[in-house]
C-alpha atoms as a PDB file:
ATOM      1  CA  UNK A   1       0.000   0.000   0.000  1.00  0.00           C
ATOM      2  CA  UNK A   2       2.829   2.367   0.802  1.00  0.00           C
ATOM      3  CA  UNK A   3       3.644   2.513  -2.917  1.00  0.00           C
ATOM      4  CA  UNK A   4       0.391   4.439  -3.303  1.00  0.00           C
ATOM      5  CA  UNK A   5       1.602   7.262  -1.032  1.00  0.00           C
ATOM      6  CA  UNK A   6       4.313   9.793  -1.788  1.00  0.00           C
ATOM      7  CA  UNK A   7       6.890  11.065   0.691  1.00  0.00           C
ATOM      8  CA  UNK A   8       4.417  13.600   2.058  1.00  0.00           C
ATOM      9  CA  UNK A   9       1.880  10.801   2.583  1.00  0.00           C
ATOM     10  CA  UNK A  10      -0.296  12.230  -0.162  1.00  0.00           C
ATOM     11  CA  UNK A  11      -2.118   9.533  -2.136  1.00  0.00           C
ATOM     12  CA  UNK A  12      -0.801   8.572  -5.545  1.00  0.00           C
ATOM     13  CA  UNK A  13      -2.827   7.103  -8.371  1.00  0.00           C
ATOM     14  CA  UNK A  14      -1.208   4.155 -10.139  1.00  0.00           C
ATOM     15  CA  UNK A  15      -1.905   1.189 -12.343  1.00  0.00           C
ATOM     16  CA  UNK A  16      -0.401  -2.262 -11.684  1.00  0.00           C
ATOM     17  CA  UNK A  17       2.410  -1.628 -14.195  1.00  0.00           C
ATOM     18  CA  UNK A  18       3.508   1.507 -12.339  1.00  0.00           C
ATOM     19  CA  UNK A  19       3.493  -0.357  -9.034  1.00  0.00           C
ATOM     20  CA  UNK A  20       5.490  -3.201 -10.595  1.00  0.00           C
ATOM     21  CA  UNK A  21       8.101  -0.741 -11.880  1.00  0.00           C
ATOM     22  CA  UNK A  22       8.687   0.489  -8.329  1.00  0.00           C
ATOM     23  CA  UNK A  23       8.899  -2.808  -6.445  1.00  0.00           C
ATOM     24  CA  UNK A  24      10.602  -6.143  -6.975  1.00  0.00           C
ATOM     25  CA  UNK A  25       7.574  -8.284  -7.921  1.00  0.00           C
ATOM     26  CA  UNK A  26       6.125  -9.433 -11.216  1.00  0.00           C
ATOM     27  CA  UNK A  27       2.969  -7.877 -12.621  1.00  0.00           C
ATOM     28  CA  UNK A  28       0.888 -11.005 -11.936  1.00  0.00           C
ATOM     29  CA  UNK A  29       1.769 -10.807  -8.237  1.00  0.00           C
ATOM     30  CA  UNK A  30       1.040  -7.065  -8.135  1.00  0.00           C
ATOM     31  CA  UNK A  31      -2.387  -7.588  -9.692  1.00  0.00           C
ATOM     32  CA  UNK A  32      -3.254 -10.375  -7.212  1.00  0.00           C
ATOM     33  CA  UNK A  33      -2.172  -8.278  -4.266  1.00  0.00           C
ATOM     34  CA  UNK A  34      -4.037  -5.187  -5.455  1.00  0.00           C
ATOM     35  CA  UNK A  35      -7.210  -7.281  -5.782  1.00  0.00           C
ATOM     36  CA  UNK A  36      -6.711  -8.684  -2.264  1.00  0.00           C
ATOM     37  CA  UNK A  37      -6.065  -5.202  -0.870  1.00  0.00           C
ATOM     38  CA  UNK A  38      -9.165  -3.952  -2.660  1.00  0.00           C
ATOM     39  CA  UNK A  39     -11.226  -6.835  -1.245  1.00  0.00           C
ATOM     40  CA  UNK A  40      -9.991  -5.871   2.214  1.00  0.00           C
ATOM     41  CA  UNK A  41     -10.874  -2.209   1.730  1.00  0.00           C
ATOM     42  CA  UNK A  42      -7.288  -0.929   1.737  1.00  0.00           C
ATOM     43  CA  UNK A  43      -7.182   0.271  -1.869  1.00  0.00           C
ATOM     44  CA  UNK A  44      -9.929   1.315  -4.247  1.00  0.00           C
ATOM     45  CA  UNK A  45     -10.336   2.121  -7.871  1.00  0.00           C
ATOM     46  CA  UNK A  46      -9.685   5.719  -8.814  1.00  0.00           C
ATOM     47  CA  UNK A  47     -10.742   4.933 -12.392  1.00  0.00           C
ATOM     48  CA  UNK A  48     -11.862   1.346 -12.952  1.00  0.00           C
ATOM     49  CA  UNK A  49     -12.040   1.677 -16.746  1.00  0.00           C
ATOM     50  CA  UNK A  50      -8.371   2.665 -16.866  1.00  0.00           C
ATOM     51  CA  UNK A  51      -7.286   0.255 -14.087  1.00  0.00           C
ATOM     52  CA  UNK A  52      -6.066   3.047 -11.789  1.00  0.00           C
ATOM     53  CA  UNK A  53      -5.905   2.470  -8.046  1.00  0.00           C
ATOM     54  CA  UNK A  54      -5.485   4.664  -5.000  1.00  0.00           C
ATOM     55  CA  UNK A  55      -5.196   3.967  -1.313  1.00  0.00           C
ATOM     56  CA  UNK A  56      -8.502   4.110   0.561  1.00  0.00           C
ATOM     57  CA  UNK A  57      -9.233   5.937   3.796  1.00  0.00           C
ATOM     58  CA  UNK A  58      -9.083   2.592   5.621  1.00  0.00           C
ATOM     59  CA  UNK A  59      -5.688   1.892   4.062  1.00  0.00           C
ATOM     60  CA  UNK A  60      -4.353   5.267   5.145  1.00  0.00           C
ATOM     61  CA  UNK A  61      -5.714   4.777   8.665  1.00  0.00           C
ATOM     62  CA  UNK A  62      -4.073   1.363   8.908  1.00  0.00           C
ATOM     63  CA  UNK A  63      -0.683   2.646   7.746  1.00  0.00           C
ATOM     64  CA  UNK A  64      -0.937   5.593  10.151  1.00  0.00           C
ATOM     65  CA  UNK A  65      -1.488   3.182  13.058  1.00  0.00           C
ATOM     66  CA  UNK A  66      -5.022   4.453  13.605  1.00  0.00           C
ATOM     67  CA  UNK A  67      -6.553   1.079  12.802  1.00  0.00           C
ATOM     68  CA  UNK A  68      -5.334  -2.098  14.459  1.00  0.00           C
ATOM     69  CA  UNK A  69      -5.264  -5.445  12.696  1.00  0.00           C
ATOM     70  CA  UNK A  70      -7.708  -6.746  15.319  1.00  0.00           C
ATOM     71  CA  UNK A  71     -10.225  -4.128  14.158  1.00  0.00           C
ATOM     72  CA  UNK A  72     -10.280  -5.513  10.628  1.00  0.00           C
ATOM     73  CA  UNK A  73     -12.810  -7.973   9.278  1.00  0.00           C
ATOM     74  CA  UNK A  74     -11.415 -10.996   7.494  1.00  0.00           C
ATOM     75  CA  UNK A  75     -12.240 -11.145   3.805  1.00  0.00           C
END
């Protein structure tokens, strides 16, 4: 999820290819993980037609330590 935030913790908008270019995982893994994060409410589509994602409010709260893992619902 942190890939979807810049240094100032402002949300970035990215497609799976952009995420892949910035981490050491293949595109198939990135797509699977983005879907799982979306299912869990941590990321959401910014533009579904273009395949662009952004971090959700829940994702930001979790990364900021405002939401504990125990508070999350399993998906």
